[in-house]
Amino acid sequence: ELDQARTVLAALEKQEQDLLDQLRSVRSATHAQKIRVEELIRQLPRAPISRLPNELLVQIFKLSLGAALEDDLLRSPDRQLPWMQGLAGVSRHWKDTILNSPSLWTTILVTPDSKAALVKMRLHRSSQFALDI
């Protein structure tokens, strides 16, 4: 009976080793495929809007913001940040452009209900640009 138990144990250990080898092989293939997918994504043609110079993109954002302010769509401080976050959520490029463009942060609406942290954030992001409060 001991010999039979040892034989079964040896078979199970071999099966375990075979499965570990198979797992390593699958992990290696998965890693290689992830690299391939990333490479193919980098080769995809970029959308025309992604090729616009940052300066032009900022001007488009400013026009959009100005139109929304004129239409009273953003006349509440609570609406301005979600509007910017919506644009920033389009792509990493748009987010970086918005966050690094002080001219987009110069209009600050202040009401009795304004949150101090949001006003401070806009002041910080507007840098040295003239403010419209």
N, C-alpha and C. Protein backbone atom coordinates (compact mmCIF):
# COMPACT_ATOMS: atom_id res chain seq x y z
N GLU A 1 0.83 -1.20 0.00
CA GLU A 1 0.00 0.00 0.00
C GLU A 1 0.88 1.26 0.00
N LEU A 2 2.02 1.21 0.70
CA LEU A 2 2.93 2.35 0.74
C LEU A 2 3.49 2.63 -0.65
N ASP A 3 3.85 1.58 -1.36
CA ASP A 3 4.37 1.77 -2.72
C ASP A 3 3.34 2.42 -3.63
N GLN A 4 2.10 2.00 -3.46
CA GLN A 4 1.03 2.58 -4.28
C GLN A 4 0.83 4.06 -3.93
N ALA A 5 0.88 4.41 -2.65
CA ALA A 5 0.73 5.81 -2.22
C ALA A 5 1.88 6.65 -2.77
N ARG A 6 3.10 6.09 -2.74
CA ARG A 6 4.26 6.82 -3.29
C ARG A 6 4.12 7.01 -4.80
N THR A 7 3.61 6.02 -5.47
CA THR A 7 3.41 6.12 -6.92
C THR A 7 2.39 7.20 -7.24
N VAL A 8 1.29 7.23 -6.49
CA VAL A 8 0.26 8.25 -6.69
C VAL A 8 0.84 9.63 -6.39
N LEU A 9 1.61 9.74 -5.30
CA LEU A 9 2.23 11.01 -4.94
C LEU A 9 3.17 11.48 -6.05
N ALA A 10 3.98 10.59 -6.58
CA ALA A 10 4.91 10.96 -7.65
C ALA A 10 4.14 11.42 -8.88
N ALA A 11 3.05 10.75 -9.20
CA ALA A 11 2.24 11.14 -10.35
C ALA A 11 1.62 12.52 -10.13
N LEU A 12 1.14 12.77 -8.92
CA LEU A 12 0.56 14.08 -8.61
C LEU A 12 1.62 15.19 -8.67
N GLU A 13 2.81 14.90 -8.16
CA GLU A 13 3.89 15.89 -8.20
C GLU A 13 4.28 16.20 -9.65
N LYS A 14 4.31 15.17 -10.49
CA LYS A 14 4.62 15.40 -11.90
C LYS A 14 3.53 16.23 -12.56
N GLN A 15 2.28 15.91 -12.24
CA GLN A 15 1.15 16.67 -12.79
C GLN A 15 1.23 18.12 -12.33
N GLU A 16 1.59 18.32 -11.06
CA GLU A 16 1.73 19.68 -10.53
C GLU A 16 2.83 20.43 -11.29
N GLN A 17 3.96 19.78 -11.50
CA GLN A 17 5.06 20.41 -12.22
C GLN A 17 4.67 20.74 -13.66
N ASP A 18 3.96 19.83 -14.30
CA ASP A 18 3.48 20.08 -15.67
C ASP A 18 2.55 21.30 -15.70
N LEU A 19 1.67 21.40 -14.71
CA LEU A 19 0.76 22.54 -14.66
C LEU A 19 1.51 23.85 -14.40
N LEU A 20 2.52 23.80 -13.53
CA LEU A 20 3.33 25.00 -13.28
C LEU A 20 4.07 25.43 -14.55
N ASP A 21 4.59 24.44 -15.28
CA ASP A 21 5.26 24.76 -16.55
C ASP A 21 4.27 25.38 -17.53
N GLN A 22 3.07 24.83 -17.58
CA GLN A 22 2.04 25.37 -18.47
C GLN A 22 1.66 26.79 -18.04
N LEU A 23 1.53 27.04 -16.75
CA LEU A 23 1.20 28.37 -16.24
C LEU A 23 2.29 29.37 -16.62
N ARG A 24 3.56 28.98 -16.47
CA ARG A 24 4.65 29.88 -16.87
C ARG A 24 4.58 30.20 -18.36
N SER A 25 4.26 29.20 -19.14
CA SER A 25 4.15 29.39 -20.58
C SER A 25 3.01 30.35 -20.93
N VAL A 26 1.86 30.18 -20.28
CA VAL A 26 0.71 31.05 -20.52
C VAL A 26 1.02 32.47 -20.08
N ARG A 27 1.67 32.62 -18.93
CA ARG A 27 2.04 33.97 -18.46
C ARG A 27 2.99 34.65 -19.43
N SER A 28 3.94 33.90 -19.94
CA SER A 28 4.89 34.46 -20.90
C SER A 28 4.17 34.89 -22.18
N ALA A 29 3.27 34.05 -22.67
CA ALA A 29 2.51 34.38 -23.87
C ALA A 29 1.60 35.59 -23.63
N THR A 30 1.01 35.67 -22.44
CA THR A 30 0.16 36.81 -22.09
C THR A 30 0.97 38.10 -22.09
N HIS A 31 2.14 38.06 -21.49
CA HIS A 31 3.01 39.24 -21.45
C HIS A 31 3.39 39.68 -22.87
N ALA A 32 3.77 38.72 -23.70
CA ALA A 32 4.14 39.04 -25.08
C ALA A 32 2.96 39.64 -25.83
N GLN A 33 1.76 39.13 -25.60
CA GLN A 33 0.58 39.64 -26.29
C GLN A 33 0.24 41.05 -25.82
N LYS A 34 0.41 41.33 -24.53
CA LYS A 34 0.17 42.69 -24.02
C LYS A 34 1.11 43.68 -24.70
N ILE A 35 2.36 43.30 -24.84
CA ILE A 35 3.33 44.17 -25.52
C ILE A 35 2.90 44.40 -26.96
N ARG A 36 2.45 43.36 -27.62
CA ARG A 36 2.00 43.47 -29.02
C ARG A 36 0.79 44.40 -29.13
N VAL A 37 -0.17 44.28 -28.22
CA VAL A 37 -1.35 45.13 -28.24
C VAL A 37 -0.95 46.59 -28.04
N GLU A 38 -0.07 46.85 -27.08
CA GLU A 38 0.40 48.22 -26.85
C GLU A 38 1.10 48.79 -28.08
N GLU A 39 1.89 47.94 -28.73
CA GLU A 39 2.58 48.37 -29.95
C GLU A 39 1.58 48.72 -31.05
N LEU A 40 0.56 47.89 -31.22
CA LEU A 40 -0.45 48.16 -32.24
C LEU A 40 -1.25 49.42 -31.92
N ILE A 41 -1.53 49.65 -30.65
CA ILE A 41 -2.24 50.87 -30.26
C ILE A 41 -1.41 52.10 -30.61
N ARG A 42 -0.10 52.03 -30.35
CA ARG A 42 0.77 53.17 -30.67
C ARG A 42 0.81 53.44 -32.17
N GLN A 43 0.60 52.41 -32.97
CA GLN A 43 0.66 52.57 -34.42
C GLN A 43 -0.66 53.06 -35.03
N LEU A 44 -1.73 53.07 -34.23
CA LEU A 44 -3.02 53.54 -34.75
C LEU A 44 -2.90 55.00 -35.17
N PRO A 45 -3.56 55.36 -36.26
CA PRO A 45 -3.54 56.78 -36.64
C PRO A 45 -4.27 57.60 -35.59
N ARG A 46 -3.68 58.73 -35.28
CA ARG A 46 -4.30 59.62 -34.29
C ARG A 46 -5.42 60.40 -34.94
N ALA A 47 -6.45 60.66 -34.16
CA ALA A 47 -7.57 61.47 -34.64
C ALA A 47 -7.07 62.87 -34.95
N PRO A 48 -7.65 63.52 -35.95
CA PRO A 48 -7.20 64.87 -36.31
C PRO A 48 -7.19 65.85 -35.13
N ILE A 49 -8.17 65.74 -34.24
CA ILE A 49 -8.21 66.65 -33.09
C ILE A 49 -7.00 66.45 -32.19
N SER A 50 -6.44 65.25 -32.18
CA SER A 50 -5.27 64.97 -31.36
C SER A 50 -4.00 65.59 -31.92
N ARG A 51 -4.06 65.97 -33.18
CA ARG A 51 -2.87 66.56 -33.82
C ARG A 51 -2.86 68.07 -33.76
N LEU A 52 -3.92 68.67 -33.20
CA LEU A 52 -3.95 70.13 -33.10
C LEU A 52 -2.88 70.60 -32.13
N PRO A 53 -2.24 71.71 -32.45
CA PRO A 53 -1.29 72.28 -31.49
C PRO A 53 -2.02 72.67 -30.20
N ASN A 54 -1.33 72.57 -29.09
CA ASN A 54 -1.96 72.90 -27.80
C ASN A 54 -2.55 74.30 -27.78
N GLU A 55 -1.86 75.25 -28.41
CA GLU A 55 -2.34 76.63 -28.42
C GLU A 55 -3.72 76.73 -29.08
N LEU A 56 -3.91 76.00 -30.17
CA LEU A 56 -5.20 76.02 -30.86
C LEU A 56 -6.27 75.31 -30.02
N LEU A 57 -5.89 74.22 -29.41
CA LEU A 57 -6.82 73.49 -28.55
C LEU A 57 -7.27 74.38 -27.38
N VAL A 58 -6.35 75.11 -26.79
CA VAL A 58 -6.70 76.03 -25.70
C VAL A 58 -7.67 77.09 -26.20
N GLN A 59 -7.44 77.61 -27.39
CA GLN A 59 -8.36 78.62 -27.94
C GLN A 59 -9.76 78.05 -28.14
N ILE A 60 -9.84 76.82 -28.59
CA ILE A 60 -11.14 76.16 -28.75
C ILE A 60 -11.82 76.01 -27.39
N PHE A 61 -11.06 75.59 -26.40
CA PHE A 61 -11.63 75.47 -25.05
C PHE A 61 -12.11 76.82 -24.53
N LYS A 62 -11.33 77.87 -24.78
CA LYS A 62 -11.71 79.21 -24.31
C LYS A 62 -12.99 79.68 -24.99
N LEU A 63 -13.10 79.43 -26.29
CA LEU A 63 -14.33 79.80 -27.01
C LEU A 63 -15.53 79.04 -26.45
N SER A 64 -15.33 77.77 -26.21
CA SER A 64 -16.41 76.94 -25.66
C SER A 64 -16.80 77.43 -24.27
N LEU A 65 -15.82 77.72 -23.44
CA LEU A 65 -16.09 78.22 -22.09
C LEU A 65 -16.80 79.57 -22.15
N GLY A 66 -16.33 80.45 -23.03
CA GLY A 66 -16.95 81.77 -23.18
C GLY A 66 -18.40 81.66 -23.61
N ALA A 67 -18.67 80.79 -24.57
CA ALA A 67 -20.05 80.61 -25.04
C ALA A 67 -20.93 80.05 -23.93
N ALA A 68 -20.41 79.11 -23.18
CA ALA A 68 -21.19 78.53 -22.08
C ALA A 68 -21.46 79.58 -21.00
N LEU A 69 -20.49 80.44 -20.73
CA LEU A 69 -20.69 81.49 -19.73
C LEU A 69 -21.72 82.51 -20.22
N GLU A 70 -21.66 82.86 -21.50
CA GLU A 70 -22.62 83.82 -22.06
C GLU A 70 -24.04 83.27 -22.02
N ASP A 71 -24.17 81.98 -22.21
CA ASP A 71 -25.49 81.34 -22.18
C ASP A 71 -25.93 81.00 -20.76
N ASP A 72 -25.18 81.44 -19.79
CA ASP A 72 -25.47 81.18 -18.37
C ASP A 72 -25.46 79.69 -18.02
N LEU A 73 -24.81 78.89 -18.85
CA LEU A 73 -24.74 77.46 -18.56
C LEU A 73 -23.80 77.18 -17.39
N LEU A 74 -22.82 78.06 -17.21
CA LEU A 74 -21.82 77.83 -16.18
C LEU A 74 -21.80 78.95 -15.15
N ARG A 75 -22.87 79.65 -14.98
CA ARG A 75 -22.90 80.79 -14.06
C ARG A 75 -22.92 80.37 -12.59
N SER A 76 -22.84 79.11 -12.35
CA SER A 76 -22.74 78.62 -10.97
C SER A 76 -21.35 78.02 -10.81
N PRO A 77 -20.64 78.37 -9.74
CA PRO A 77 -19.31 77.80 -9.53
C PRO A 77 -19.34 76.27 -9.50
N ASP A 78 -20.45 75.72 -9.06
CA ASP A 78 -20.56 74.26 -8.99
C ASP A 78 -20.62 73.61 -10.36
N ARG A 79 -20.89 74.38 -11.39
CA ARG A 79 -20.99 73.82 -12.75
C ARG A 79 -19.68 73.94 -13.52
N GLN A 80 -18.84 74.89 -13.14
CA GLN A 80 -17.62 75.11 -13.91
C GLN A 80 -16.66 73.94 -13.83
N LEU A 81 -16.40 73.45 -12.63
CA LEU A 81 -15.43 72.37 -12.50
C LEU A 81 -15.88 71.10 -13.22
N PRO A 82 -17.14 70.66 -13.09
CA PRO A 82 -17.56 69.48 -13.85
C PRO A 82 -17.41 69.67 -15.37
N TRP A 83 -17.64 70.91 -15.84
CA TRP A 83 -17.47 71.18 -17.27
C TRP A 83 -16.02 70.95 -17.66
N MET A 84 -15.09 71.48 -16.87
CA MET A 84 -13.66 71.29 -17.15
C MET A 84 -13.27 69.82 -17.02
N GLN A 85 -13.81 69.15 -16.01
CA GLN A 85 -13.51 67.74 -15.81
C GLN A 85 -14.04 66.91 -16.98
N GLY A 86 -15.19 67.30 -17.52
CA GLY A 86 -15.72 66.59 -18.68
C GLY A 86 -14.79 66.69 -19.87
N LEU A 87 -14.29 67.89 -20.13
CA LEU A 87 -13.33 68.05 -21.22
C LEU A 87 -12.03 67.30 -20.92
N ALA A 88 -11.58 67.40 -19.68
CA ALA A 88 -10.32 66.75 -19.31
C ALA A 88 -10.43 65.23 -19.38
N GLY A 89 -11.66 64.71 -19.30
CA GLY A 89 -11.85 63.27 -19.36
C GLY A 89 -11.81 62.69 -20.76
N VAL A 90 -11.74 63.55 -21.77
CA VAL A 90 -11.73 63.06 -23.16
C VAL A 90 -10.46 62.27 -23.45
N SER A 91 -9.32 62.81 -23.05
CA SER A 91 -8.06 62.11 -23.30
C SER A 91 -7.00 62.65 -22.36
N ARG A 92 -5.93 61.91 -22.25
CA ARG A 92 -4.81 62.36 -21.40
C ARG A 92 -4.24 63.67 -21.94
N HIS A 93 -4.18 63.78 -23.25
CA HIS A 93 -3.67 65.00 -23.89
C HIS A 93 -4.53 66.21 -23.52
N TRP A 94 -5.85 66.07 -23.60
CA TRP A 94 -6.75 67.18 -23.25
C TRP A 94 -6.60 67.53 -21.77
N LYS A 95 -6.51 66.51 -20.92
CA LYS A 95 -6.37 66.76 -19.49
C LYS A 95 -5.10 67.55 -19.21
N ASP A 96 -3.98 67.10 -19.77
CA ASP A 96 -2.71 67.81 -19.57
C ASP A 96 -2.79 69.24 -20.09
N THR A 97 -3.42 69.41 -21.25
CA THR A 97 -3.55 70.74 -21.83
C THR A 97 -4.37 71.65 -20.93
N ILE A 98 -5.48 71.15 -20.43
CA ILE A 98 -6.36 71.96 -19.57
C ILE A 98 -5.66 72.30 -18.26
N LEU A 99 -5.06 71.31 -17.63
CA LEU A 99 -4.43 71.55 -16.33
C LEU A 99 -3.21 72.47 -16.43
N ASN A 100 -2.58 72.50 -17.59
CA ASN A 100 -1.36 73.30 -17.76
C ASN A 100 -1.60 74.57 -18.57
N SER A 101 -2.85 75.02 -18.65
CA SER A 101 -3.19 76.24 -19.39
C SER A 101 -3.84 77.23 -18.43
N PRO A 102 -3.04 78.08 -17.80
CA PRO A 102 -3.57 79.02 -16.81
C PRO A 102 -4.69 79.90 -17.36
N SER A 103 -4.65 80.22 -18.64
CA SER A 103 -5.67 81.12 -19.20
C SER A 103 -7.08 80.52 -19.13
N LEU A 104 -7.18 79.21 -19.00
CA LEU A 104 -8.50 78.57 -18.89
C LEU A 104 -9.08 78.67 -17.48
N TRP A 105 -8.28 79.10 -16.54
CA TRP A 105 -8.70 79.11 -15.14
C TRP A 105 -8.89 80.52 -14.59
N THR A 106 -8.93 81.52 -15.46
CA THR A 106 -8.96 82.90 -14.99
C THR A 106 -10.34 83.42 -14.64
N THR A 107 -11.40 82.78 -15.12
CA THR A 107 -12.75 83.21 -14.77
C THR A 107 -13.17 82.48 -13.49
N ILE A 108 -13.34 83.27 -12.44
CA ILE A 108 -13.68 82.69 -11.15
C ILE A 108 -15.00 83.29 -10.68
N LEU A 109 -16.00 82.44 -10.58
CA LEU A 109 -17.30 82.88 -10.07
C LEU A 109 -17.32 82.66 -8.57
N VAL A 110 -17.61 83.72 -7.84
CA VAL A 110 -17.64 83.63 -6.39
C VAL A 110 -19.04 83.99 -5.91
N THR A 111 -19.62 83.11 -5.15
CA THR A 111 -20.94 83.34 -4.55
C THR A 111 -20.81 83.06 -3.05
N PRO A 112 -21.83 83.41 -2.29
CA PRO A 112 -21.76 83.08 -0.86
C PRO A 112 -21.58 81.58 -0.60
N ASP A 113 -22.01 80.76 -1.56
CA ASP A 113 -21.90 79.31 -1.38
C ASP A 113 -20.61 78.73 -1.96
N SER A 114 -19.74 79.57 -2.52
CA SER A 114 -18.52 79.08 -3.15
C SER A 114 -17.64 78.35 -2.14
N LYS A 115 -17.08 77.26 -2.60
CA LYS A 115 -16.18 76.49 -1.75
C LYS A 115 -14.78 77.12 -1.84
N ALA A 116 -14.19 77.41 -0.70
CA ALA A 116 -12.88 78.07 -0.65
C ALA A 116 -11.83 77.24 -1.38
N ALA A 117 -11.88 75.94 -1.25
CA ALA A 117 -10.88 75.08 -1.89
C ALA A 117 -10.93 75.20 -3.41
N LEU A 118 -12.14 75.31 -3.98
CA LEU A 118 -12.26 75.45 -5.43
C LEU A 118 -11.74 76.80 -5.90
N VAL A 119 -12.03 77.85 -5.13
CA VAL A 119 -11.53 79.18 -5.49
C VAL A 119 -10.01 79.18 -5.42
N LYS A 120 -9.44 78.59 -4.38
CA LYS A 120 -7.97 78.53 -4.25
C LYS A 120 -7.35 77.74 -5.40
N MET A 121 -8.00 76.62 -5.77
CA MET A 121 -7.49 75.82 -6.87
C MET A 121 -7.45 76.63 -8.17
N ARG A 122 -8.53 77.35 -8.45
CA ARG A 122 -8.59 78.16 -9.68
C ARG A 122 -7.54 79.27 -9.62
N LEU A 123 -7.38 79.90 -8.46
CA LEU A 123 -6.35 80.93 -8.32
C LEU A 123 -4.97 80.35 -8.59
N HIS A 124 -4.71 79.19 -8.05
CA HIS A 124 -3.41 78.54 -8.26
C HIS A 124 -3.20 78.20 -9.74
N ARG A 125 -4.21 77.61 -10.37
CA ARG A 125 -4.08 77.19 -11.77
C ARG A 125 -4.03 78.37 -12.73
N SER A 126 -4.60 79.50 -12.34
CA SER A 126 -4.58 80.67 -13.23
C SER A 126 -3.21 81.33 -13.26
N SER A 127 -2.35 80.94 -12.34
CA SER A 127 -0.97 81.43 -12.29
C SER A 127 -0.95 82.95 -12.20
N GLN A 128 -0.20 83.59 -13.10
CA GLN A 128 -0.05 85.04 -13.07
C GLN A 128 -1.00 85.75 -14.03
N PHE A 129 -1.95 85.03 -14.59
CA PHE A 129 -2.88 85.64 -15.55
C PHE A 129 -3.87 86.55 -14.83
N ALA A 130 -4.34 87.56 -15.54
CA ALA A 130 -5.36 88.46 -14.98
C ALA A 130 -6.64 87.67 -14.75
N LEU A 131 -7.32 87.99 -13.67
CA LEU A 131 -8.52 87.25 -13.29
C LEU A 131 -9.78 88.00 -13.65
N ASP A 132 -10.83 87.25 -13.93
CA ASP A 132 -12.17 87.79 -14.13
C ASP A 132 -13.02 87.18 -13.02
N ILE A 133 -13.25 87.97 -11.96
CA ILE A 133 -13.97 87.45 -10.80
C ILE A 133 -15.36 88.05 -10.77
